[in-house]
Amino acid sequence: LSVLPLAANGLSTDEARALLLKHTRFG
C-alpha cells in the first residue's frame, strides 16, 4: 500500500483508469 500526498478525490476515475492502463501489466 502506498498512501499518497493527494486528497482522496484528487484523481478522477478517467485519470486513474488511464494511469493503470499505461503503467501496469497483467497475465
mmCIF file of all heavy atoms, coordinates in Angstrom:
data_MODEL
# 
_entry.id   MODEL 
# 
loop_
_atom_site.group_PDB 
_atom_site.id 
_atom_site.type_symbol 
_atom_site.label_atom_id 
_atom_site.label_alt_id 
_atom_site.label_comp_id 
_atom_site.label_asym_id 
_atom_site.label_entity_id 
_atom_site.label_seq_id 
_atom_site.pdbx_PDB_ins_code 
_atom_site.Cartn_x 
_atom_site.Cartn_y 
_atom_site.Cartn_z 
_atom_site.occupancy 
_atom_site.B_iso_or_equiv 
_atom_site.pdbx_formal_charge 
_atom_site.auth_seq_id 
_atom_site.auth_comp_id 
_atom_site.auth_asym_id 
_atom_site.auth_atom_id 
_atom_site.pdbx_PDB_model_num 
ATOM 1   N N   . LEU A 1 1  ? 0.851   -1.186  0.000   1.00 0.00 ? 1  LEU A N   1 
ATOM 2   C CA  . LEU A 1 1  ? 0.000   0.000   0.000   1.00 0.00 ? 1  LEU A CA  1 
ATOM 3   C C   . LEU A 1 1  ? 0.889   1.238   0.000   1.00 0.00 ? 1  LEU A C   1 
ATOM 4   O O   . LEU A 1 1  ? 1.834   1.333   0.790   1.00 0.00 ? 1  LEU A O   1 
ATOM 5   C CB  . LEU A 1 1  ? -0.881  0.023   1.253   1.00 0.00 ? 1  LEU A CB  1 
ATOM 6   C CG  . LEU A 1 1  ? -1.711  1.298   1.469   1.00 0.00 ? 1  LEU A CG  1 
ATOM 7   C CD1 . LEU A 1 1  ? -2.931  1.293   0.561   1.00 0.00 ? 1  LEU A CD1 1 
ATOM 8   C CD2 . LEU A 1 1  ? -2.134  1.434   2.931   1.00 0.00 ? 1  LEU A CD2 1 
ATOM 9   N N   . SER A 1 2  ? 0.591   2.186   -0.877  1.00 0.00 ? 2  SER A N   1 
ATOM 10  C CA  . SER A 1 2  ? 1.239   3.498   -0.864  1.00 0.00 ? 2  SER A CA  1 
ATOM 11  C C   . SER A 1 2  ? 0.171   4.548   -0.594  1.00 0.00 ? 2  SER A C   1 
ATOM 12  O O   . SER A 1 2  ? -0.812  4.655   -1.356  1.00 0.00 ? 2  SER A O   1 
ATOM 13  C CB  . SER A 1 2  ? 1.914   3.802   -2.208  1.00 0.00 ? 2  SER A CB  1 
ATOM 14  O OG  . SER A 1 2  ? 3.065   3.023   -2.392  1.00 0.00 ? 2  SER A OG  1 
ATOM 15  N N   . VAL A 1 3  ? 0.355   5.291   0.491   1.00 0.00 ? 3  VAL A N   1 
ATOM 16  C CA  . VAL A 1 3  ? -0.529  6.415   0.791   1.00 0.00 ? 3  VAL A CA  1 
ATOM 17  C C   . VAL A 1 3  ? 0.102   7.663   0.190   1.00 0.00 ? 3  VAL A C   1 
ATOM 18  O O   . VAL A 1 3  ? 1.269   7.980   0.464   1.00 0.00 ? 3  VAL A O   1 
ATOM 19  C CB  . VAL A 1 3  ? -0.718  6.588   2.311   1.00 0.00 ? 3  VAL A CB  1 
ATOM 20  C CG1 . VAL A 1 3  ? -1.667  7.745   2.593   1.00 0.00 ? 3  VAL A CG1 1 
ATOM 21  C CG2 . VAL A 1 3  ? -1.248  5.299   2.928   1.00 0.00 ? 3  VAL A CG2 1 
ATOM 22  N N   . LEU A 1 4  ? -0.667  8.366   -0.657  1.00 0.00 ? 4  LEU A N   1 
ATOM 23  C CA  . LEU A 1 4  ? -0.118  9.469   -1.443  1.00 0.00 ? 4  LEU A CA  1 
ATOM 24  C C   . LEU A 1 4  ? -0.510  10.820  -0.859  1.00 0.00 ? 4  LEU A C   1 
ATOM 25  O O   . LEU A 1 4  ? -1.565  10.945  -0.225  1.00 0.00 ? 4  LEU A O   1 
ATOM 26  C CB  . LEU A 1 4  ? -0.614  9.356   -2.886  1.00 0.00 ? 4  LEU A CB  1 
ATOM 27  C CG  . LEU A 1 4  ? -0.326  8.020   -3.588  1.00 0.00 ? 4  LEU A CG  1 
ATOM 28  C CD1 . LEU A 1 4  ? -0.956  8.001   -4.970  1.00 0.00 ? 4  LEU A CD1 1 
ATOM 29  C CD2 . LEU A 1 4  ? 1.170   7.763   -3.670  1.00 0.00 ? 4  LEU A CD2 1 
ATOM 30  N N   . PRO A 1 5  ? 0.303   11.848  -1.093  1.00 0.00 ? 5  PRO A N   1 
ATOM 31  C CA  . PRO A 1 5  ? 0.002   13.184  -0.565  1.00 0.00 ? 5  PRO A CA  1 
ATOM 32  C C   . PRO A 1 5  ? -1.023  13.913  -1.427  1.00 0.00 ? 5  PRO A C   1 
ATOM 33  O O   . PRO A 1 5  ? -0.818  15.054  -1.867  1.00 0.00 ? 5  PRO A O   1 
ATOM 34  C CB  . PRO A 1 5  ? 1.367   13.877  -0.607  1.00 0.00 ? 5  PRO A CB  1 
ATOM 35  C CG  . PRO A 1 5  ? 2.062   13.256  -1.761  1.00 0.00 ? 5  PRO A CG  1 
ATOM 36  C CD  . PRO A 1 5  ? 1.610   11.822  -1.782  1.00 0.00 ? 5  PRO A CD  1 
ATOM 37  N N   . LEU A 1 6  ? -2.146  13.240  -1.678  1.00 0.00 ? 6  LEU A N   1 
ATOM 38  C CA  . LEU A 1 6  ? -3.214  13.789  -2.500  1.00 0.00 ? 6  LEU A CA  1 
ATOM 39  C C   . LEU A 1 6  ? -4.548  13.524  -1.819  1.00 0.00 ? 6  LEU A C   1 
ATOM 40  O O   . LEU A 1 6  ? -4.719  12.512  -1.121  1.00 0.00 ? 6  LEU A O   1 
ATOM 41  C CB  . LEU A 1 6  ? -3.218  13.149  -3.891  1.00 0.00 ? 6  LEU A CB  1 
ATOM 42  C CG  . LEU A 1 6  ? -1.980  13.392  -4.767  1.00 0.00 ? 6  LEU A CG  1 
ATOM 43  C CD1 . LEU A 1 6  ? -2.025  12.496  -5.997  1.00 0.00 ? 6  LEU A CD1 1 
ATOM 44  C CD2 . LEU A 1 6  ? -1.883  14.862  -5.166  1.00 0.00 ? 6  LEU A CD2 1 
ATOM 45  N N   . ALA A 1 7  ? -5.485  14.406  -2.030  1.00 0.00 ? 7  ALA A N   1 
ATOM 46  C CA  . ALA A 1 7  ? -6.817  14.210  -1.466  1.00 0.00 ? 7  ALA A CA  1 
ATOM 47  C C   . ALA A 1 7  ? -7.449  12.957  -2.063  1.00 0.00 ? 7  ALA A C   1 
ATOM 48  O O   . ALA A 1 7  ? -7.159  12.584  -3.207  1.00 0.00 ? 7  ALA A O   1 
ATOM 49  C CB  . ALA A 1 7  ? -7.680  15.439  -1.755  1.00 0.00 ? 7  ALA A CB  1 
ATOM 50  N N   . ALA A 1 8  ? -8.321  12.332  -1.302  1.00 0.00 ? 8  ALA A N   1 
ATOM 51  C CA  . ALA A 1 8  ? -8.954  11.095  -1.757  1.00 0.00 ? 8  ALA A CA  1 
ATOM 52  C C   . ALA A 1 8  ? -9.683  11.276  -3.075  1.00 0.00 ? 8  ALA A C   1 
ATOM 53  O O   . ALA A 1 8  ? -9.742  10.363  -3.903  1.00 0.00 ? 8  ALA A O   1 
ATOM 54  C CB  . ALA A 1 8  ? -9.902  10.584  -0.683  1.00 0.00 ? 8  ALA A CB  1 
ATOM 55  N N   . ASN A 1 9  ? -10.243 12.485  -3.302  1.00 0.00 ? 9  ASN A N   1 
ATOM 56  C CA  . ASN A 1 9  ? -10.952 12.780  -4.555  1.00 0.00 ? 9  ASN A CA  1 
ATOM 57  C C   . ASN A 1 9  ? -10.099 13.571  -5.529  1.00 0.00 ? 9  ASN A C   1 
ATOM 58  O O   . ASN A 1 9  ? -10.613 14.194  -6.461  1.00 0.00 ? 9  ASN A O   1 
ATOM 59  C CB  . ASN A 1 9  ? -12.247 13.526  -4.257  1.00 0.00 ? 9  ASN A CB  1 
ATOM 60  C CG  . ASN A 1 9  ? -11.997 14.856  -3.560  1.00 0.00 ? 9  ASN A CG  1 
ATOM 61  O OD1 . ASN A 1 9  ? -10.849 15.194  -3.255  1.00 0.00 ? 9  ASN A OD1 1 
ATOM 62  N ND2 . ASN A 1 9  ? -13.057 15.606  -3.294  1.00 0.00 ? 9  ASN A ND2 1 
ATOM 63  N N   . GLY A 1 10 ? -8.764  13.523  -5.316  1.00 0.00 ? 10 GLY A N   1 
ATOM 64  C CA  . GLY A 1 10 ? -7.866  14.336  -6.131  1.00 0.00 ? 10 GLY A CA  1 
ATOM 65  C C   . GLY A 1 10 ? -7.524  13.733  -7.477  1.00 0.00 ? 10 GLY A C   1 
ATOM 66  O O   . GLY A 1 10 ? -6.722  14.314  -8.228  1.00 0.00 ? 10 GLY A O   1 
ATOM 67  N N   . LEU A 1 11 ? -8.101  12.590  -7.799  1.00 0.00 ? 11 LEU A N   1 
ATOM 68  C CA  . LEU A 1 11 ? -7.828  11.923  -9.082  1.00 0.00 ? 11 LEU A CA  1 
ATOM 69  C C   . LEU A 1 11 ? -9.151  11.434  -9.639  1.00 0.00 ? 11 LEU A C   1 
ATOM 70  O O   . LEU A 1 11 ? -9.880  10.684  -8.976  1.00 0.00 ? 11 LEU A O   1 
ATOM 71  C CB  . LEU A 1 11 ? -6.873  10.742  -8.852  1.00 0.00 ? 11 LEU A CB  1 
ATOM 72  C CG  . LEU A 1 11 ? -6.261  10.061  -10.074 1.00 0.00 ? 11 LEU A CG  1 
ATOM 73  C CD1 . LEU A 1 11 ? -5.297  11.005  -10.791 1.00 0.00 ? 11 LEU A CD1 1 
ATOM 74  C CD2 . LEU A 1 11 ? -5.521  8.789   -9.658  1.00 0.00 ? 11 LEU A CD2 1 
ATOM 75  N N   . SER A 1 12 ? -9.475  11.864  -10.840 1.00 0.00 ? 12 SER A N   1 
ATOM 76  C CA  . SER A 1 12 ? -10.748 11.433  -11.433 1.00 0.00 ? 12 SER A CA  1 
ATOM 77  C C   . SER A 1 12 ? -10.692 9.968   -11.836 1.00 0.00 ? 12 SER A C   1 
ATOM 78  O O   . SER A 1 12 ? -9.608  9.385   -11.995 1.00 0.00 ? 12 SER A O   1 
ATOM 79  C CB  . SER A 1 12 ? -11.065 12.294  -12.663 1.00 0.00 ? 12 SER A CB  1 
ATOM 80  O OG  . SER A 1 12 ? -10.207 11.948  -13.740 1.00 0.00 ? 12 SER A OG  1 
ATOM 81  N N   . THR A 1 13 ? -11.853 9.393   -12.024 1.00 0.00 ? 13 THR A N   1 
ATOM 82  C CA  . THR A 1 13 ? -11.927 7.992   -12.447 1.00 0.00 ? 13 THR A CA  1 
ATOM 83  C C   . THR A 1 13 ? -11.221 7.788   -13.778 1.00 0.00 ? 13 THR A C   1 
ATOM 84  O O   . THR A 1 13 ? -10.481 6.822   -13.964 1.00 0.00 ? 13 THR A O   1 
ATOM 85  C CB  . THR A 1 13 ? -13.395 7.541   -12.543 1.00 0.00 ? 13 THR A CB  1 
ATOM 86  O OG1 . THR A 1 13 ? -13.991 7.598   -11.249 1.00 0.00 ? 13 THR A OG1 1 
ATOM 87  C CG2 . THR A 1 13 ? -13.507 6.131   -13.093 1.00 0.00 ? 13 THR A CG2 1 
ATOM 88  N N   . ASP A 1 14 ? -11.438 8.707   -14.708 1.00 0.00 ? 14 ASP A N   1 
ATOM 89  C CA  . ASP A 1 14 ? -10.802 8.578   -16.025 1.00 0.00 ? 14 ASP A CA  1 
ATOM 90  C C   . ASP A 1 14 ? -9.285  8.664   -15.918 1.00 0.00 ? 14 ASP A C   1 
ATOM 91  O O   . ASP A 1 14 ? -8.553  7.929   -16.597 1.00 0.00 ? 14 ASP A O   1 
ATOM 92  C CB  . ASP A 1 14 ? -11.320 9.655   -16.966 1.00 0.00 ? 14 ASP A CB  1 
ATOM 93  C CG  . ASP A 1 14 ? -12.743 9.383   -17.431 1.00 0.00 ? 14 ASP A CG  1 
ATOM 94  O OD1 . ASP A 1 14 ? -13.202 8.233   -17.266 1.00 0.00 ? 14 ASP A OD1 1 
ATOM 95  O OD2 . ASP A 1 14 ? -13.391 10.321  -17.932 1.00 0.00 ? 14 ASP A OD2 1 
ATOM 96  N N   . GLU A 1 15 ? -8.789  9.577   -15.057 1.00 0.00 ? 15 GLU A N   1 
ATOM 97  C CA  . GLU A 1 15 ? -7.345  9.718   -14.877 1.00 0.00 ? 15 GLU A CA  1 
ATOM 98  C C   . GLU A 1 15 ? -6.750  8.460   -14.249 1.00 0.00 ? 15 GLU A C   1 
ATOM 99  O O   . GLU A 1 15 ? -5.696  7.967   -14.676 1.00 0.00 ? 15 GLU A O   1 
ATOM 100 C CB  . GLU A 1 15 ? -7.044  10.932  -14.002 1.00 0.00 ? 15 GLU A CB  1 
ATOM 101 C CG  . GLU A 1 15 ? -7.300  12.261  -14.692 1.00 0.00 ? 15 GLU A CG  1 
ATOM 102 C CD  . GLU A 1 15 ? -7.207  13.431  -13.731 1.00 0.00 ? 15 GLU A CD  1 
ATOM 103 O OE1 . GLU A 1 15 ? -7.567  13.266  -12.543 1.00 0.00 ? 15 GLU A OE1 1 
ATOM 104 O OE2 . GLU A 1 15 ? -6.770  14.517  -14.157 1.00 0.00 ? 15 GLU A OE2 1 
ATOM 105 N N   . ALA A 1 16 ? -7.428  7.925   -13.246 1.00 0.00 ? 16 ALA A N   1 
ATOM 106 C CA  . ALA A 1 16 ? -6.953  6.710   -12.578 1.00 0.00 ? 16 ALA A CA  1 
ATOM 107 C C   . ALA A 1 16 ? -6.938  5.539   -13.544 1.00 0.00 ? 16 ALA A C   1 
ATOM 108 O O   . ALA A 1 16 ? -5.986  4.743   -13.583 1.00 0.00 ? 16 ALA A O   1 
ATOM 109 C CB  . ALA A 1 16 ? -7.832  6.391   -11.363 1.00 0.00 ? 16 ALA A CB  1 
ATOM 110 N N   . ARG A 1 17 ? -7.982  5.459   -14.342 1.00 0.00 ? 17 ARG A N   1 
ATOM 111 C CA  . ARG A 1 17 ? -8.074  4.378   -15.317 1.00 0.00 ? 17 ARG A CA  1 
ATOM 112 C C   . ARG A 1 17 ? -6.941  4.461   -16.337 1.00 0.00 ? 17 ARG A C   1 
ATOM 113 O O   . ARG A 1 17 ? -6.296  3.450   -16.657 1.00 0.00 ? 17 ARG A O   1 
ATOM 114 C CB  . ARG A 1 17 ? -9.431  4.440   -16.019 1.00 0.00 ? 17 ARG A CB  1 
ATOM 115 C CG  . ARG A 1 17 ? -9.751  3.254   -16.912 1.00 0.00 ? 17 ARG A CG  1 
ATOM 116 C CD  . ARG A 1 17 ? -11.162 3.361   -17.482 1.00 0.00 ? 17 ARG A CD  1 
ATOM 117 N NE  . ARG A 1 17 ? -11.505 2.155   -18.205 1.00 0.00 ? 17 ARG A NE  1 
ATOM 118 C CZ  . ARG A 1 17 ? -11.151 1.893   -19.450 1.00 0.00 ? 17 ARG A CZ  1 
ATOM 119 N NH1 . ARG A 1 17 ? -10.425 2.799   -20.133 1.00 0.00 ? 17 ARG A NH1 1 
ATOM 120 N NH2 . ARG A 1 17 ? -11.485 0.761   -20.040 1.00 0.00 ? 17 ARG A NH2 1 
ATOM 121 N N   . ALA A 1 18 ? -6.666  5.656   -16.811 1.00 0.00 ? 18 ALA A N   1 
ATOM 122 C CA  . ALA A 1 18 ? -5.604  5.830   -17.802 1.00 0.00 ? 18 ALA A CA  1 
ATOM 123 C C   . ALA A 1 18 ? -4.235  5.487   -17.213 1.00 0.00 ? 18 ALA A C   1 
ATOM 124 O O   . ALA A 1 18 ? -3.399  4.856   -17.881 1.00 0.00 ? 18 ALA A O   1 
ATOM 125 C CB  . ALA A 1 18 ? -5.617  7.275   -18.314 1.00 0.00 ? 18 ALA A CB  1 
ATOM 126 N N   . LEU A 1 19 ? -4.003  5.867   -15.959 1.00 0.00 ? 19 LEU A N   1 
ATOM 127 C CA  . LEU A 1 19 ? -2.723  5.559   -15.316 1.00 0.00 ? 19 LEU A CA  1 
ATOM 128 C C   . LEU A 1 19 ? -2.526  4.050   -15.162 1.00 0.00 ? 19 LEU A C   1 
ATOM 129 O O   . LEU A 1 19 ? -1.434  3.523   -15.402 1.00 0.00 ? 19 LEU A O   1 
ATOM 130 C CB  . LEU A 1 19 ? -2.652  6.240   -13.949 1.00 0.00 ? 19 LEU A CB  1 
ATOM 131 C CG  . LEU A 1 19 ? -2.428  7.758   -13.970 1.00 0.00 ? 19 LEU A CG  1 
ATOM 132 C CD1 . LEU A 1 19 ? -2.652  8.343   -12.587 1.00 0.00 ? 19 LEU A CD1 1 
ATOM 133 C CD2 . LEU A 1 19 ? -1.024  8.087   -14.471 1.00 0.00 ? 19 LEU A CD2 1 
ATOM 134 N N   . LEU A 1 20 ? -3.567  3.357   -14.759 1.00 0.00 ? 20 LEU A N   1 
ATOM 135 C CA  . LEU A 1 20 ? -3.452  1.904   -14.574 1.00 0.00 ? 20 LEU A CA  1 
ATOM 136 C C   . LEU A 1 20 ? -3.243  1.192   -15.906 1.00 0.00 ? 20 LEU A C   1 
ATOM 137 O O   . LEU A 1 20 ? -2.467  0.226   -15.998 1.00 0.00 ? 20 LEU A O   1 
ATOM 138 C CB  . LEU A 1 20 ? -4.696  1.362   -13.866 1.00 0.00 ? 20 LEU A CB  1 
ATOM 139 C CG  . LEU A 1 20 ? -4.843  1.761   -12.393 1.00 0.00 ? 20 LEU A CG  1 
ATOM 140 C CD1 . LEU A 1 20 ? -6.178  1.274   -11.829 1.00 0.00 ? 20 LEU A CD1 1 
ATOM 141 C CD2 . LEU A 1 20 ? -3.693  1.204   -11.554 1.00 0.00 ? 20 LEU A CD2 1 
ATOM 142 N N   . LEU A 1 21 ? -3.925  1.645   -16.942 1.00 0.00 ? 21 LEU A N   1 
ATOM 143 C CA  . LEU A 1 21 ? -3.763  1.012   -18.248 1.00 0.00 ? 21 LEU A CA  1 
ATOM 144 C C   . LEU A 1 21 ? -2.348  1.210   -18.787 1.00 0.00 ? 21 LEU A C   1 
ATOM 145 O O   . LEU A 1 21 ? -1.789  0.322   -19.438 1.00 0.00 ? 21 LEU A O   1 
ATOM 146 C CB  . LEU A 1 21 ? -4.784  1.579   -19.238 1.00 0.00 ? 21 LEU A CB  1 
ATOM 147 C CG  . LEU A 1 21 ? -6.218  1.059   -19.084 1.00 0.00 ? 21 LEU A CG  1 
ATOM 148 C CD1 . LEU A 1 21 ? -7.170  1.879   -19.945 1.00 0.00 ? 21 LEU A CD1 1 
ATOM 149 C CD2 . LEU A 1 21 ? -6.291  -0.413  -19.448 1.00 0.00 ? 21 LEU A CD2 1 
ATOM 150 N N   . LYS A 1 22 ? -1.757  2.380   -18.521 1.00 0.00 ? 22 LYS A N   1 
ATOM 151 C CA  . LYS A 1 22 ? -0.430  2.674   -19.055 1.00 0.00 ? 22 LYS A CA  1 
ATOM 152 C C   . LYS A 1 22 ? 0.690   2.060   -18.224 1.00 0.00 ? 22 LYS A C   1 
ATOM 153 O O   . LYS A 1 22 ? 1.694   1.588   -18.776 1.00 0.00 ? 22 LYS A O   1 
ATOM 154 C CB  . LYS A 1 22 ? -0.232  4.186   -19.131 1.00 0.00 ? 22 LYS A CB  1 
ATOM 155 C CG  . LYS A 1 22 ? 1.118   4.588   -19.733 1.00 0.00 ? 22 LYS A CG  1 
ATOM 156 C CD  . LYS A 1 22 ? 1.229   6.101   -19.894 1.00 0.00 ? 22 LYS A CD  1 
ATOM 157 C CE  . LYS A 1 22 ? 2.572   6.477   -20.535 1.00 0.00 ? 22 LYS A CE  1 
ATOM 158 N NZ  . LYS A 1 22 ? 2.701   7.945   -20.722 1.00 0.00 ? 22 LYS A NZ  1 
ATOM 159 N N   . HIS A 1 23 ? 0.533   2.019   -16.898 1.00 0.00 ? 23 HIS A N   1 
ATOM 160 C CA  . HIS A 1 23 ? 1.662   1.712   -16.024 1.00 0.00 ? 23 HIS A CA  1 
ATOM 161 C C   . HIS A 1 23 ? 1.579   0.362   -15.315 1.00 0.00 ? 23 HIS A C   1 
ATOM 162 O O   . HIS A 1 23 ? 2.419   0.073   -14.464 1.00 0.00 ? 23 HIS A O   1 
ATOM 163 C CB  . HIS A 1 23 ? 1.820   2.823   -14.988 1.00 0.00 ? 23 HIS A CB  1 
ATOM 164 C CG  . HIS A 1 23 ? 2.146   4.151   -15.592 1.00 0.00 ? 23 HIS A CG  1 
ATOM 165 N ND1 . HIS A 1 23 ? 3.347   4.416   -16.211 1.00 0.00 ? 23 HIS A ND1 1 
ATOM 166 C CD2 . HIS A 1 23 ? 1.405   5.300   -15.710 1.00 0.00 ? 23 HIS A CD2 1 
ATOM 167 C CE1 . HIS A 1 23 ? 3.353   5.654   -16.669 1.00 0.00 ? 23 HIS A CE1 1 
ATOM 168 N NE2 . HIS A 1 23 ? 2.189   6.213   -16.377 1.00 0.00 ? 23 HIS A NE2 1 
ATOM 169 N N   . THR A 1 24 ? 0.585   -0.457  -15.641 1.00 0.00 ? 24 THR A N   1 
ATOM 170 C CA  . THR A 1 24 ? 0.534   -1.812  -15.071 1.00 0.00 ? 24 THR A CA  1 
ATOM 171 C C   . THR A 1 24 ? 0.308   -2.820  -16.187 1.00 0.00 ? 24 THR A C   1 
ATOM 172 O O   . THR A 1 24 ? -0.275  -2.498  -17.230 1.00 0.00 ? 24 THR A O   1 
ATOM 173 C CB  . THR A 1 24 ? -0.589  -1.962  -14.015 1.00 0.00 ? 24 THR A CB  1 
ATOM 174 O OG1 . THR A 1 24 ? -1.882  -1.814  -14.648 1.00 0.00 ? 24 THR A OG1 1 
ATOM 175 C CG2 . THR A 1 24 ? -0.442  -0.926  -12.915 1.00 0.00 ? 24 THR A CG2 1 
ATOM 176 N N   . ARG A 1 25 ? 0.781   -4.038  -15.963 1.00 0.00 ? 25 ARG A N   1 
ATOM 177 C CA  . ARG A 1 25 ? 0.606   -5.140  -16.925 1.00 0.00 ? 25 ARG A CA  1 
ATOM 178 C C   . ARG A 1 25 ? 0.217   -6.392  -16.146 1.00 0.00 ? 25 ARG A C   1 
ATOM 179 O O   . ARG A 1 25 ? 0.752   -6.647  -15.062 1.00 0.00 ? 25 ARG A O   1 
ATOM 180 C CB  . ARG A 1 25 ? 1.904   -5.414  -17.699 1.00 0.00 ? 25 ARG A CB  1 
ATOM 181 C CG  . ARG A 1 25 ? 2.349   -4.250  -18.565 1.00 0.00 ? 25 ARG A CG  1 
ATOM 182 C CD  . ARG A 1 25 ? 1.536   -4.154  -19.854 1.00 0.00 ? 25 ARG A CD  1 
ATOM 183 N NE  . ARG A 1 25 ? 1.804   -2.909  -20.574 1.00 0.00 ? 25 ARG A NE  1 
ATOM 184 C CZ  . ARG A 1 25 ? 2.750   -2.745  -21.472 1.00 0.00 ? 25 ARG A CZ  1 
ATOM 185 N NH1 . ARG A 1 25 ? 3.571   -3.752  -21.766 1.00 0.00 ? 25 ARG A NH1 1 
ATOM 186 N NH2 . ARG A 1 25 ? 2.910   -1.599  -22.093 1.00 0.00 ? 25 ARG A NH2 1 
ATOM 187 N N   . PHE A 1 26 ? -0.697  -7.193  -16.719 1.00 0.00 ? 26 PHE A N   1 
ATOM 188 C CA  . PHE A 1 26 ? -1.203  -8.384  -16.050 1.00 0.00 ? 26 PHE A CA  1 
ATOM 189 C C   . PHE A 1 26 ? -1.232  -9.583  -16.991 1.00 0.00 ? 26 PHE A C   1 
ATOM 190 O O   . PHE A 1 26 ? -1.427  -9.430  -18.191 1.00 0.00 ? 26 PHE A O   1 
ATOM 191 C CB  . PHE A 1 26 ? -2.642  -8.142  -15.555 1.00 0.00 ? 26 PHE A CB  1 
ATOM 192 C CG  . PHE A 1 26 ? -2.740  -7.235  -14.361 1.00 0.00 ? 26 PHE A CG  1 
ATOM 193 C CD1 . PHE A 1 26 ? -2.745  -5.866  -14.518 1.00 0.00 ? 26 PHE A CD1 1 
ATOM 194 C CD2 . PHE A 1 26 ? -2.809  -7.755  -13.078 1.00 0.00 ? 26 PHE A CD2 1 
ATOM 195 C CE1 . PHE A 1 26 ? -2.822  -5.022  -13.427 1.00 0.00 ? 26 PHE A CE1 1 
ATOM 196 C CE2 . PHE A 1 26 ? -2.880  -6.927  -11.984 1.00 0.00 ? 26 PHE A CE2 1 
ATOM 197 C CZ  . PHE A 1 26 ? -2.895  -5.557  -12.149 1.00 0.00 ? 26 PHE A CZ  1 
ATOM 198 N N   . GLY A 1 27 ? -1.078  -10.781 -16.412 1.00 0.00 ? 27 GLY A N   1 
ATOM 199 C CA  . GLY A 1 27 ? -1.297  -12.005 -17.151 1.00 0.00 ? 27 GLY A CA  1 
ATOM 200 C C   . GLY A 1 27 ? -0.055  -12.850 -17.336 1.00 0.00 ? 27 GLY A C   1 
ATOM 201 O O   . GLY A 1 27 ? 1.079   -12.382 -17.161 1.00 0.00 ? 27 GLY A O   1 
# 
